[in-house]
């Protein structure tokens, strides 16, 4: 189970846009899909694709509120990934 999580999580962060989203979430605490569009300049379908990969990896939580999707970091999953990387050193 851990190997599958690590594989999905590292795949999710292996993209400059998804890495930017994670860093911005860390800085701001939460973002909406429209915030990500403004941040990255990507189209709505492209933002949806990146958000799906991040949520499927478990690194990001999403909550639908009306028409807006609010994203936050999943700190437990990020800690799990950090622990795995630390084992490699």
C-alpha atoms as a PDB file:
ATOM      1  CA  UNK A   1       0.000   0.000   0.000  1.00  0.00           C
ATOM      2  CA  UNK A   2       2.740   2.482   0.900  1.00  0.00           C
ATOM      3  CA  UNK A   3       4.596   1.871  -2.363  1.00  0.00           C
ATOM      4  CA  UNK A   4       1.451   2.631  -4.396  1.00  0.00           C
ATOM      5  CA  UNK A   5       0.897   5.856  -2.449  1.00  0.00           C
ATOM      6  CA  UNK A   6       4.514   6.938  -2.948  1.00  0.00           C
ATOM      7  CA  UNK A   7       4.297   6.147  -6.656  1.00  0.00           C
ATOM      8  CA  UNK A   8       1.120   8.223  -7.096  1.00  0.00           C
ATOM      9  CA  UNK A   9       2.363  11.072  -4.890  1.00  0.00           C
ATOM     10  CA  UNK A  10       5.731  11.422  -6.604  1.00  0.00           C
ATOM     11  CA  UNK A  11       4.031  11.259  -9.984  1.00  0.00           C
ATOM     12  CA  UNK A  12       1.683  14.023  -8.894  1.00  0.00           C
ATOM     13  CA  UNK A  13       4.494  16.366  -7.872  1.00  0.00           C
ATOM     14  CA  UNK A  14       6.559  15.634 -10.990  1.00  0.00           C
ATOM     15  CA  UNK A  15       4.932  18.489 -12.896  1.00  0.00           C
ATOM     16  CA  UNK A  16       5.753  22.181 -12.596  1.00  0.00           C
ATOM     17  CA  UNK A  17       2.098  23.243 -12.437  1.00  0.00           C
ATOM     18  CA  UNK A  18       1.154  20.715  -9.757  1.00  0.00           C
ATOM     19  CA  UNK A  19       4.264  21.603  -7.780  1.00  0.00           C
ATOM     20  CA  UNK A  20       3.288  25.277  -8.028  1.00  0.00           C
ATOM     21  CA  UNK A  21      -0.223  24.442  -6.803  1.00  0.00           C
ATOM     22  CA  UNK A  22       1.186  22.543  -3.810  1.00  0.00           C
ATOM     23  CA  UNK A  23       3.565  25.365  -2.917  1.00  0.00           C
ATOM     24  CA  UNK A  24       0.770  27.934  -3.190  1.00  0.00           C
ATOM     25  CA  UNK A  25      -1.521  25.775  -1.036  1.00  0.00           C
ATOM     26  CA  UNK A  26       1.229  25.573   1.548  1.00  0.00           C
ATOM     27  CA  UNK A  27       1.552  29.343   1.519  1.00  0.00           C
ATOM     28  CA  UNK A  28      -2.146  30.298   1.431  1.00  0.00           C
ATOM     29  CA  UNK A  29      -3.858  27.357   3.123  1.00  0.00           C
ATOM     30  CA  UNK A  30      -6.570  26.901   0.498  1.00  0.00           C
ATOM     31  CA  UNK A  31      -7.297  27.677  -3.138  1.00  0.00           C
ATOM     32  CA  UNK A  32     -10.233  27.434  -5.509  1.00  0.00           C
ATOM     33  CA  UNK A  33     -10.024  26.173  -9.070  1.00  0.00           C
ATOM     34  CA  UNK A  34     -10.362  29.767 -10.310  1.00  0.00           C
ATOM     35  CA  UNK A  35      -7.442  30.782  -8.062  1.00  0.00           C
ATOM     36  CA  UNK A  36      -5.369  28.079  -9.766  1.00  0.00           C
ATOM     37  CA  UNK A  37      -6.404  29.310 -13.213  1.00  0.00           C
ATOM     38  CA  UNK A  38      -5.224  32.823 -12.322  1.00  0.00           C
ATOM     39  CA  UNK A  39      -2.021  31.482 -10.769  1.00  0.00           C
ATOM     40  CA  UNK A  40      -1.041  29.227 -13.667  1.00  0.00           C
ATOM     41  CA  UNK A  41      -2.808  30.712 -16.684  1.00  0.00           C
ATOM     42  CA  UNK A  42      -4.107  27.246 -17.566  1.00  0.00           C
ATOM     43  CA  UNK A  43      -7.536  26.547 -19.032  1.00  0.00           C
ATOM     44  CA  UNK A  44     -10.322  25.230 -16.784  1.00  0.00           C
ATOM     45  CA  UNK A  45     -10.138  21.685 -18.234  1.00  0.00           C
ATOM     46  CA  UNK A  46      -6.368  21.639 -17.708  1.00  0.00           C
ATOM     47  CA  UNK A  47      -6.758  22.872 -14.105  1.00  0.00           C
ATOM     48  CA  UNK A  48      -9.359  20.140 -13.520  1.00  0.00           C
ATOM     49  CA  UNK A  49      -6.900  17.536 -14.809  1.00  0.00           C
ATOM     50  CA  UNK A  50      -4.125  18.699 -12.471  1.00  0.00           C
ATOM     51  CA  UNK A  51      -6.489  18.948  -9.500  1.00  0.00           C
ATOM     52  CA  UNK A  52      -7.745  15.414 -10.164  1.00  0.00           C
ATOM     53  CA  UNK A  53      -4.200  14.036 -10.190  1.00  0.00           C
ATOM     54  CA  UNK A  54      -3.386  15.834  -6.939  1.00  0.00           C
ATOM     55  CA  UNK A  55      -6.556  14.657  -5.198  1.00  0.00           C
ATOM     56  CA  UNK A  56      -6.225  11.090  -6.545  1.00  0.00           C
ATOM     57  CA  UNK A  57      -2.682  10.994  -5.177  1.00  0.00           C
ATOM     58  CA  UNK A  58      -3.991  11.907  -1.734  1.00  0.00           C
ATOM     59  CA  UNK A  59      -1.802  15.004  -1.408  1.00  0.00           C
ATOM     60  CA  UNK A  60      -4.702  17.434  -1.735  1.00  0.00           C
ATOM     61  CA  UNK A  61      -8.196  17.427  -0.246  1.00  0.00           C
ATOM     62  CA  UNK A  62     -11.067  18.948  -2.188  1.00  0.00           C
ATOM     63  CA  UNK A  63     -14.430  20.091  -0.934  1.00  0.00           C
ATOM     64  CA  UNK A  64     -17.246  21.281  -3.166  1.00  0.00           C
ATOM     65  CA  UNK A  65     -19.088  24.344  -1.854  1.00  0.00           C
ATOM     66  CA  UNK A  66     -21.784  25.411  -4.259  1.00  0.00           C
ATOM     67  CA  UNK A  67     -20.120  25.878  -7.618  1.00  0.00           C
ATOM     68  CA  UNK A  68     -16.660  26.261  -6.112  1.00  0.00           C
ATOM     69  CA  UNK A  69     -14.112  23.575  -5.392  1.00  0.00           C
ATOM     70  CA  UNK A  70     -11.918  24.398  -2.386  1.00  0.00           C
ATOM     71  CA  UNK A  71      -8.540  22.694  -2.140  1.00  0.00           C
ATOM     72  CA  UNK A  72      -6.339  22.185   0.907  1.00  0.00           C
ATOM     73  CA  UNK A  73      -3.203  20.176   1.569  1.00  0.00           C
ATOM     74  CA  UNK A  74      -3.541  16.722   3.095  1.00  0.00           C
ATOM     75  CA  UNK A  75      -0.851  17.169   5.720  1.00  0.00           C
ATOM     76  CA  UNK A  76      -0.936  13.530   6.853  1.00  0.00           C
ATOM     77  CA  UNK A  77      -0.191  12.318   3.328  1.00  0.00           C
ATOM     78  CA  UNK A  78       2.546  14.894   2.870  1.00  0.00           C
ATOM     79  CA  UNK A  79       4.100  13.741   6.161  1.00  0.00           C
ATOM     80  CA  UNK A  80       3.923  10.131   4.955  1.00  0.00           C
ATOM     81  CA  UNK A  81       5.715  11.117   1.743  1.00  0.00           C
ATOM     82  CA  UNK A  82       8.302  13.077   3.718  1.00  0.00           C
ATOM     83  CA  UNK A  83       8.912  10.089   5.994  1.00  0.00           C
ATOM     84  CA  UNK A  84       9.438   7.843   2.975  1.00  0.00           C
ATOM     85  CA  UNK A  85      11.934  10.262   1.405  1.00  0.00           C
ATOM     86  CA  UNK A  86      13.745  10.613   4.722  1.00  0.00           C
ATOM     87  CA  UNK A  87      14.211   6.814   4.836  1.00  0.00           C
ATOM     88  CA  UNK A  88      16.141   7.054   1.573  1.00  0.00           C
ATOM     89  CA  UNK A  89      18.807   9.304   3.084  1.00  0.00           C
END
